[in-house]
Structures are given as C-alpha cells and as structure tokens.
Amino acid sequence: MKRTYSKRTKLTSAKTYKDYLTERKKLIDKGYYLHDAMSETSFNEFYNLVREARRTGEIKSSAWQYLMSKERYISYKQAKVFAIAASEMEGKKVTRQQALKFDKDKINELGKYIAATKATGLYGGDYE
C-alpha cells in the first residue's frame, strides 16, 4: 500500500491591506464595535512589527490574530468584565460575545457603573 501526501501549503503567508479591510468589514457586519481603520502605511508598519515580534517569540498568537484582536474596541478579557457588569446592571444574562459588540457610549456607562459599585457589587467588586 502506497502512502500519498497532500501538497504542503504555506500557512503563514503575509496579509495585505486589502485582507485587512475585508476582515474589518466582516467584523462590522457581525456587529462588533471597532477602532477607526488604519491607513495603508500604518497597517504595513504595524503588521510588519507584529510579524517580527511573533518570530522572536514576544507574542504567542499569529501576527494576523494579534492585529485583528487589537481592532476591537475592547479586548476579550475586558468583554468578560463588561458582561458581568451589564448582567448585574440590567438584571438579565449578557454574554461575552454580546459585550464585544457594545459601542463606546455603552462601555462608558458600564465603566461608571463599575466604578460606583466596585466595592459592593454582586460579585464582591471583583471586576479586574
């Protein structure tokens, strides 16, 4: 029995500014609140910097994953905190995925709520 192998493809190909804009559009279509889009020159500078950091081991995720995670207005860990605060404030379950879609005004409102109830909140003020 002869063993066959599929052709190996390069998985770590560099992304382009066009890929960046396409991915941003997908995130916006899903309802995520994002930072303002980078210009092409700033994208290239930042992406190359992150790729080099990945090669040297400073970051563990791929350069593209890291860059796209920085596009969201709040991080995944911050979304957890805001989901807890929103659940407590509104009295209904708010998931982390829903929290990632909060806009700037909602985040500011939740930030004020967390600051006001940090010591006495439902979760003992453990919002960090």
N, C-alpha and C. Protein backbone atom coordinates (compact mmCIF):
# COMPACT_ATOMS: atom_id res chain seq x y z
N MET A 1 0.83 -1.17 0.00
CA MET A 1 0.00 0.00 0.00
C MET A 1 0.89 1.24 0.00
N LYS A 2 0.67 2.08 -0.98
CA LYS A 2 1.48 3.28 -1.12
C LYS A 2 0.79 4.45 -0.41
N ARG A 3 1.56 5.17 0.34
CA ARG A 3 1.05 6.30 1.08
C ARG A 3 1.11 7.56 0.21
N THR A 4 0.04 8.34 0.23
CA THR A 4 0.03 9.58 -0.55
C THR A 4 0.00 10.77 0.40
N TYR A 5 0.63 11.81 0.00
CA TYR A 5 0.71 13.02 0.81
C TYR A 5 0.13 14.19 0.02
N SER A 6 -0.59 15.03 0.72
CA SER A 6 -1.09 16.22 0.05
C SER A 6 0.02 17.24 0.00
N LYS A 7 -0.07 18.14 -0.96
CA LYS A 7 0.95 19.16 -1.11
C LYS A 7 0.90 20.12 0.07
N ARG A 8 2.03 20.39 0.65
CA ARG A 8 2.12 21.31 1.78
C ARG A 8 1.96 22.74 1.27
N THR A 9 1.10 23.47 1.94
CA THR A 9 0.90 24.87 1.56
C THR A 9 1.46 25.77 2.64
N LYS A 10 1.79 26.96 2.26
CA LYS A 10 2.35 27.91 3.21
C LYS A 10 1.20 28.55 3.98
N LEU A 11 1.13 28.31 5.27
CA LEU A 11 0.04 28.80 6.09
C LEU A 11 0.30 30.20 6.64
N THR A 12 1.54 30.60 6.67
CA THR A 12 1.88 31.86 7.31
C THR A 12 2.14 32.96 6.30
N SER A 13 1.40 32.95 5.20
CA SER A 13 1.62 33.99 4.20
C SER A 13 1.22 35.34 4.77
N ALA A 14 1.92 36.35 4.32
CA ALA A 14 1.66 37.71 4.82
C ALA A 14 0.32 38.21 4.30
N LYS A 15 -0.37 38.93 5.14
CA LYS A 15 -1.65 39.52 4.76
C LYS A 15 -1.40 40.89 4.16
N THR A 16 -2.37 41.34 3.39
CA THR A 16 -2.26 42.65 2.74
C THR A 16 -3.28 43.61 3.33
N TYR A 17 -3.17 44.86 2.94
CA TYR A 17 -4.12 45.87 3.39
C TYR A 17 -5.53 45.54 2.92
N LYS A 18 -5.63 44.95 1.74
CA LYS A 18 -6.94 44.55 1.22
C LYS A 18 -7.56 43.47 2.12
N ASP A 19 -6.74 42.51 2.59
CA ASP A 19 -7.22 41.48 3.52
C ASP A 19 -7.71 42.14 4.82
N TYR A 20 -6.98 43.14 5.26
CA TYR A 20 -7.32 43.86 6.48
C TYR A 20 -8.69 44.53 6.35
N LEU A 21 -8.91 45.22 5.24
CA LEU A 21 -10.19 45.89 5.03
C LEU A 21 -11.33 44.89 4.91
N THR A 22 -11.08 43.77 4.26
CA THR A 22 -12.10 42.73 4.12
C THR A 22 -12.47 42.15 5.48
N GLU A 23 -11.48 41.88 6.31
CA GLU A 23 -11.74 41.31 7.64
C GLU A 23 -12.46 42.32 8.53
N ARG A 24 -12.11 43.60 8.42
CA ARG A 24 -12.82 44.62 9.18
C ARG A 24 -14.29 44.68 8.79
N LYS A 25 -14.54 44.58 7.49
CA LYS A 25 -15.93 44.60 7.02
C LYS A 25 -16.72 43.42 7.58
N LYS A 26 -16.08 42.25 7.64
CA LYS A 26 -16.74 41.07 8.21
C LYS A 26 -17.08 41.29 9.68
N LEU A 27 -16.14 41.87 10.43
CA LEU A 27 -16.37 42.13 11.85
C LEU A 27 -17.48 43.16 12.06
N ILE A 28 -17.49 44.19 11.23
CA ILE A 28 -18.53 45.22 11.33
C ILE A 28 -19.90 44.61 10.98
N ASP A 29 -19.92 43.75 9.97
CA ASP A 29 -21.18 43.09 9.59
C ASP A 29 -21.70 42.20 10.71
N LYS A 30 -20.79 41.64 11.51
CA LYS A 30 -21.20 40.81 12.65
C LYS A 30 -21.66 41.66 13.83
N GLY A 31 -21.43 42.97 13.75
CA GLY A 31 -21.90 43.88 14.79
C GLY A 31 -20.84 44.31 15.78
N TYR A 32 -19.58 43.97 15.58
CA TYR A 32 -18.53 44.37 16.51
C TYR A 32 -18.23 45.85 16.37
N TYR A 33 -17.96 46.48 17.50
CA TYR A 33 -17.59 47.90 17.52
C TYR A 33 -16.07 47.96 17.42
N LEU A 34 -15.54 48.62 16.38
CA LEU A 34 -14.10 48.62 16.10
C LEU A 34 -13.51 50.02 16.22
N HIS A 35 -12.20 50.06 16.39
CA HIS A 35 -11.46 51.31 16.32
C HIS A 35 -11.52 51.82 14.88
N ASP A 36 -11.09 53.05 14.67
CA ASP A 36 -11.02 53.59 13.31
C ASP A 36 -10.02 52.78 12.50
N ALA A 37 -10.28 52.67 11.21
CA ALA A 37 -9.40 51.89 10.34
C ALA A 37 -8.03 52.56 10.20
N MET A 38 -6.99 51.75 10.10
CA MET A 38 -5.64 52.26 9.89
C MET A 38 -5.46 52.63 8.42
N SER A 39 -4.54 53.53 8.17
CA SER A 39 -4.16 53.82 6.79
C SER A 39 -3.28 52.67 6.29
N GLU A 40 -3.07 52.63 5.00
CA GLU A 40 -2.27 51.54 4.44
C GLU A 40 -0.84 51.55 4.97
N THR A 41 -0.23 52.73 5.10
CA THR A 41 1.15 52.78 5.59
C THR A 41 1.23 52.36 7.07
N SER A 42 0.27 52.84 7.87
CA SER A 42 0.32 52.46 9.29
C SER A 42 0.01 50.97 9.46
N PHE A 43 -0.87 50.42 8.60
CA PHE A 43 -1.13 48.98 8.65
C PHE A 43 0.15 48.21 8.36
N ASN A 44 0.84 48.58 7.28
CA ASN A 44 2.06 47.85 6.90
C ASN A 44 3.12 47.94 7.99
N GLU A 45 3.29 49.11 8.57
CA GLU A 45 4.28 49.27 9.64
C GLU A 45 3.92 48.41 10.86
N PHE A 46 2.67 48.50 11.30
CA PHE A 46 2.25 47.75 12.48
C PHE A 46 2.28 46.25 12.23
N TYR A 47 1.78 45.82 11.09
CA TYR A 47 1.74 44.39 10.77
C TYR A 47 3.15 43.81 10.69
N ASN A 48 4.08 44.52 10.06
CA ASN A 48 5.46 44.03 9.98
C ASN A 48 6.11 43.98 11.36
N LEU A 49 5.81 44.96 12.21
CA LEU A 49 6.32 44.97 13.58
C LEU A 49 5.80 43.76 14.36
N VAL A 50 4.51 43.46 14.20
CA VAL A 50 3.90 42.33 14.91
C VAL A 50 4.43 41.00 14.36
N ARG A 51 4.64 40.91 13.06
CA ARG A 51 5.21 39.68 12.48
C ARG A 51 6.60 39.41 13.04
N GLU A 52 7.39 40.46 13.18
CA GLU A 52 8.73 40.31 13.75
C GLU A 52 8.65 39.90 15.22
N ALA A 53 7.70 40.47 15.95
CA ALA A 53 7.51 40.10 17.35
C ALA A 53 7.10 38.64 17.47
N ARG A 54 6.32 38.15 16.55
CA ARG A 54 5.92 36.74 16.54
C ARG A 54 7.12 35.83 16.29
N ARG A 55 7.95 36.24 15.34
CA ARG A 55 9.15 35.44 15.02
C ARG A 55 10.11 35.34 16.21
N THR A 56 10.21 36.43 16.97
CA THR A 56 11.13 36.42 18.12
C THR A 56 10.50 35.82 19.37
N GLY A 57 9.20 35.52 19.30
CA GLY A 57 8.54 34.88 20.43
C GLY A 57 7.92 35.82 21.44
N GLU A 58 7.86 37.11 21.12
CA GLU A 58 7.26 38.07 22.06
C GLU A 58 5.76 37.90 22.18
N ILE A 59 5.11 37.48 21.10
CA ILE A 59 3.68 37.17 21.17
C ILE A 59 3.49 35.72 20.75
N LYS A 60 2.46 35.09 21.29
CA LYS A 60 2.26 33.67 21.03
C LYS A 60 1.29 33.40 19.89
N SER A 61 0.32 34.28 19.67
CA SER A 61 -0.64 34.07 18.58
C SER A 61 -0.01 34.52 17.27
N SER A 62 -0.70 34.22 16.18
CA SER A 62 -0.17 34.66 14.89
C SER A 62 -0.26 36.18 14.81
N ALA A 63 0.54 36.75 13.93
CA ALA A 63 0.55 38.20 13.78
C ALA A 63 -0.82 38.71 13.35
N TRP A 64 -1.48 37.97 12.47
CA TRP A 64 -2.80 38.38 11.98
C TRP A 64 -3.84 38.34 13.10
N GLN A 65 -3.83 37.28 13.90
CA GLN A 65 -4.78 37.18 15.02
C GLN A 65 -4.55 38.33 16.00
N TYR A 66 -3.32 38.62 16.29
CA TYR A 66 -2.98 39.70 17.22
C TYR A 66 -3.48 41.03 16.68
N LEU A 67 -3.21 41.30 15.40
CA LEU A 67 -3.63 42.55 14.79
C LEU A 67 -5.15 42.69 14.82
N MET A 68 -5.87 41.63 14.47
CA MET A 68 -7.33 41.71 14.44
C MET A 68 -7.93 41.81 15.85
N SER A 69 -7.27 41.24 16.84
CA SER A 69 -7.77 41.38 18.21
C SER A 69 -7.63 42.82 18.68
N LYS A 70 -6.64 43.54 18.18
CA LYS A 70 -6.45 44.94 18.55
C LYS A 70 -7.42 45.87 17.83
N GLU A 71 -8.11 45.38 16.81
CA GLU A 71 -9.09 46.19 16.09
C GLU A 71 -10.35 46.40 16.90
N ARG A 72 -10.71 45.45 17.74
CA ARG A 72 -11.92 45.57 18.54
C ARG A 72 -11.71 46.64 19.60
N TYR A 73 -12.77 47.35 19.90
CA TYR A 73 -12.68 48.46 20.84
C TYR A 73 -12.34 47.97 22.25
N ILE A 74 -12.83 46.79 22.62
CA ILE A 74 -12.48 46.20 23.91
C ILE A 74 -11.90 44.82 23.68
N SER A 75 -11.02 44.40 24.57
CA SER A 75 -10.40 43.08 24.45
C SER A 75 -11.36 42.00 24.94
N TYR A 76 -11.00 40.77 24.70
CA TYR A 76 -11.82 39.64 25.11
C TYR A 76 -11.95 39.59 26.64
N LYS A 77 -10.84 39.90 27.34
CA LYS A 77 -10.88 39.91 28.81
C LYS A 77 -11.74 41.06 29.33
N GLN A 78 -11.65 42.21 28.71
CA GLN A 78 -12.47 43.34 29.11
C GLN A 78 -13.95 43.04 28.86
N ALA A 79 -14.23 42.31 27.78
CA ALA A 79 -15.62 41.96 27.47
C ALA A 79 -16.23 41.11 28.58
N LYS A 80 -15.43 40.26 29.20
CA LYS A 80 -15.91 39.44 30.30
C LYS A 80 -16.35 40.33 31.47
N VAL A 81 -15.54 41.31 31.79
CA VAL A 81 -15.84 42.24 32.88
C VAL A 81 -17.11 43.02 32.56
N PHE A 82 -17.21 43.54 31.33
CA PHE A 82 -18.39 44.32 30.95
C PHE A 82 -19.64 43.45 30.89
N ALA A 83 -19.49 42.17 30.53
CA ALA A 83 -20.64 41.27 30.52
C ALA A 83 -21.17 41.05 31.93
N ILE A 84 -20.27 40.87 32.89
CA ILE A 84 -20.68 40.71 34.29
C ILE A 84 -21.39 41.96 34.77
N ALA A 85 -20.81 43.13 34.49
CA ALA A 85 -21.41 44.39 34.93
C ALA A 85 -22.76 44.63 34.26
N ALA A 86 -22.86 44.34 32.97
CA ALA A 86 -24.13 44.55 32.26
C ALA A 86 -25.20 43.60 32.77
N SER A 87 -24.81 42.36 33.07
CA SER A 87 -25.77 41.40 33.63
C SER A 87 -26.30 41.88 34.97
N GLU A 88 -25.40 42.39 35.78
CA GLU A 88 -25.77 42.89 37.10
C GLU A 88 -26.64 44.14 36.99
N MET A 89 -26.28 45.02 36.07
CA MET A 89 -26.98 46.29 35.92
C MET A 89 -28.37 46.11 35.31
N GLU A 90 -28.47 45.27 34.30
CA GLU A 90 -29.73 45.12 33.56
C GLU A 90 -30.60 44.00 34.11
N GLY A 91 -30.04 43.13 34.93
CA GLY A 91 -30.82 42.05 35.51
C GLY A 91 -31.10 40.90 34.56
N LYS A 92 -30.38 40.85 33.46
CA LYS A 92 -30.51 39.72 32.53
C LYS A 92 -29.13 39.28 32.08
N LYS A 93 -29.03 38.05 31.64
CA LYS A 93 -27.74 37.47 31.26
C LYS A 93 -27.19 38.14 30.01
N VAL A 94 -25.97 38.63 30.11
CA VAL A 94 -25.25 39.22 28.97
C VAL A 94 -23.99 38.39 28.77
N THR A 95 -23.79 37.90 27.55
CA THR A 95 -22.63 37.06 27.26
C THR A 95 -21.43 37.91 26.86
N ARG A 96 -20.29 37.28 26.85
CA ARG A 96 -19.06 37.95 26.45
C ARG A 96 -19.14 38.37 24.98
N GLN A 97 -19.75 37.54 24.14
CA GLN A 97 -19.90 37.86 22.71
C GLN A 97 -20.76 39.11 22.54
N GLN A 98 -21.81 39.22 23.34
CA GLN A 98 -22.66 40.41 23.26
C GLN A 98 -21.89 41.64 23.74
N ALA A 99 -21.07 41.46 24.75
CA ALA A 99 -20.29 42.58 25.29
C ALA A 99 -19.27 43.09 24.28
N LEU A 100 -18.74 42.23 23.45
CA LEU A 100 -17.78 42.65 22.43
C LEU A 100 -18.43 43.59 21.41
N LYS A 101 -19.74 43.59 21.34
CA LYS A 101 -20.46 44.42 20.37
C LYS A 101 -20.95 45.74 20.96
N PHE A 102 -20.65 45.99 22.23
CA PHE A 102 -21.06 47.25 22.85
C PHE A 102 -20.37 48.42 22.18
N ASP A 103 -21.08 49.53 22.05
CA ASP A 103 -20.46 50.73 21.49
C ASP A 103 -19.81 51.55 22.60
N LYS A 104 -19.18 52.63 22.21
CA LYS A 104 -18.41 53.45 23.14
C LYS A 104 -19.29 54.01 24.26
N ASP A 105 -20.50 54.43 23.94
CA ASP A 105 -21.39 55.00 24.97
C ASP A 105 -21.78 53.96 26.01
N LYS A 106 -22.11 52.75 25.57
CA LYS A 106 -22.48 51.68 26.48
C LYS A 106 -21.31 51.32 27.39
N ILE A 107 -20.10 51.28 26.82
CA ILE A 107 -18.90 50.96 27.59
C ILE A 107 -18.64 52.04 28.65
N ASN A 108 -18.84 53.31 28.28
CA ASN A 108 -18.66 54.40 29.26
C ASN A 108 -19.69 54.29 30.38
N GLU A 109 -20.92 53.95 30.02
CA GLU A 109 -21.97 53.78 31.02
C GLU A 109 -21.63 52.64 31.98
N LEU A 110 -21.17 51.53 31.44
CA LEU A 110 -20.80 50.40 32.28
C LEU A 110 -19.57 50.72 33.14
N GLY A 111 -18.64 51.48 32.58
CA GLY A 111 -17.46 51.89 33.34
C GLY A 111 -17.84 52.70 34.57
N LYS A 112 -18.80 53.61 34.40
CA LYS A 112 -19.28 54.41 35.54
C LYS A 112 -19.98 53.51 36.56
N TYR A 113 -20.74 52.54 36.07
CA TYR A 113 -21.43 51.61 36.98
C TYR A 113 -20.41 50.79 37.78
N ILE A 114 -19.38 50.30 37.11
CA ILE A 114 -18.35 49.51 37.80
C ILE A 114 -17.64 50.36 38.84
N ALA A 115 -17.31 51.61 38.48
CA ALA A 115 -16.63 52.50 39.44
C ALA A 115 -17.51 52.76 40.65
N ALA A 116 -18.82 52.89 40.44
CA ALA A 116 -19.73 53.19 41.54
C ALA A 116 -19.99 51.99 42.44
N THR A 117 -19.96 50.78 41.89
CA THR A 117 -20.33 49.59 42.67
C THR A 117 -19.17 48.63 42.89
N LYS A 118 -17.98 49.06 42.65
CA LYS A 118 -16.82 48.17 42.71
C LYS A 118 -16.69 47.45 44.05
N ALA A 119 -16.91 48.14 45.13
CA ALA A 119 -16.73 47.53 46.46
C ALA A 119 -17.97 46.77 46.93
N THR A 120 -19.14 47.08 46.37
CA THR A 120 -20.36 46.48 46.89
C THR A 120 -21.13 45.68 45.86
N GLY A 121 -20.55 45.45 44.69
CA GLY A 121 -21.28 44.78 43.61
C GLY A 121 -21.62 43.34 43.92
N LEU A 122 -22.49 42.78 43.12
CA LEU A 122 -22.96 41.41 43.27
C LEU A 122 -21.79 40.42 43.32
N TYR A 123 -20.72 40.73 42.60
CA TYR A 123 -19.57 39.83 42.54
C TYR A 123 -18.46 40.27 43.49
N GLY A 124 -18.82 40.99 44.51
CA GLY A 124 -17.84 41.43 45.50
C GLY A 124 -16.89 42.46 44.97
N GLY A 125 -17.27 43.12 43.88
CA GLY A 125 -16.41 44.14 43.31
C GLY A 125 -15.22 43.58 42.56
N ASP A 126 -15.22 42.30 42.26
CA ASP A 126 -14.08 41.69 41.56
C ASP A 126 -14.26 41.85 40.06
N TYR A 127 -13.99 43.04 39.55
CA TYR A 127 -14.19 43.32 38.13
C TYR A 127 -12.85 43.33 37.36
N GLU A 128 -11.77 42.93 37.98
CA GLU A 128 -10.49 43.02 37.30
C GLU A 128 -9.83 41.70 37.11
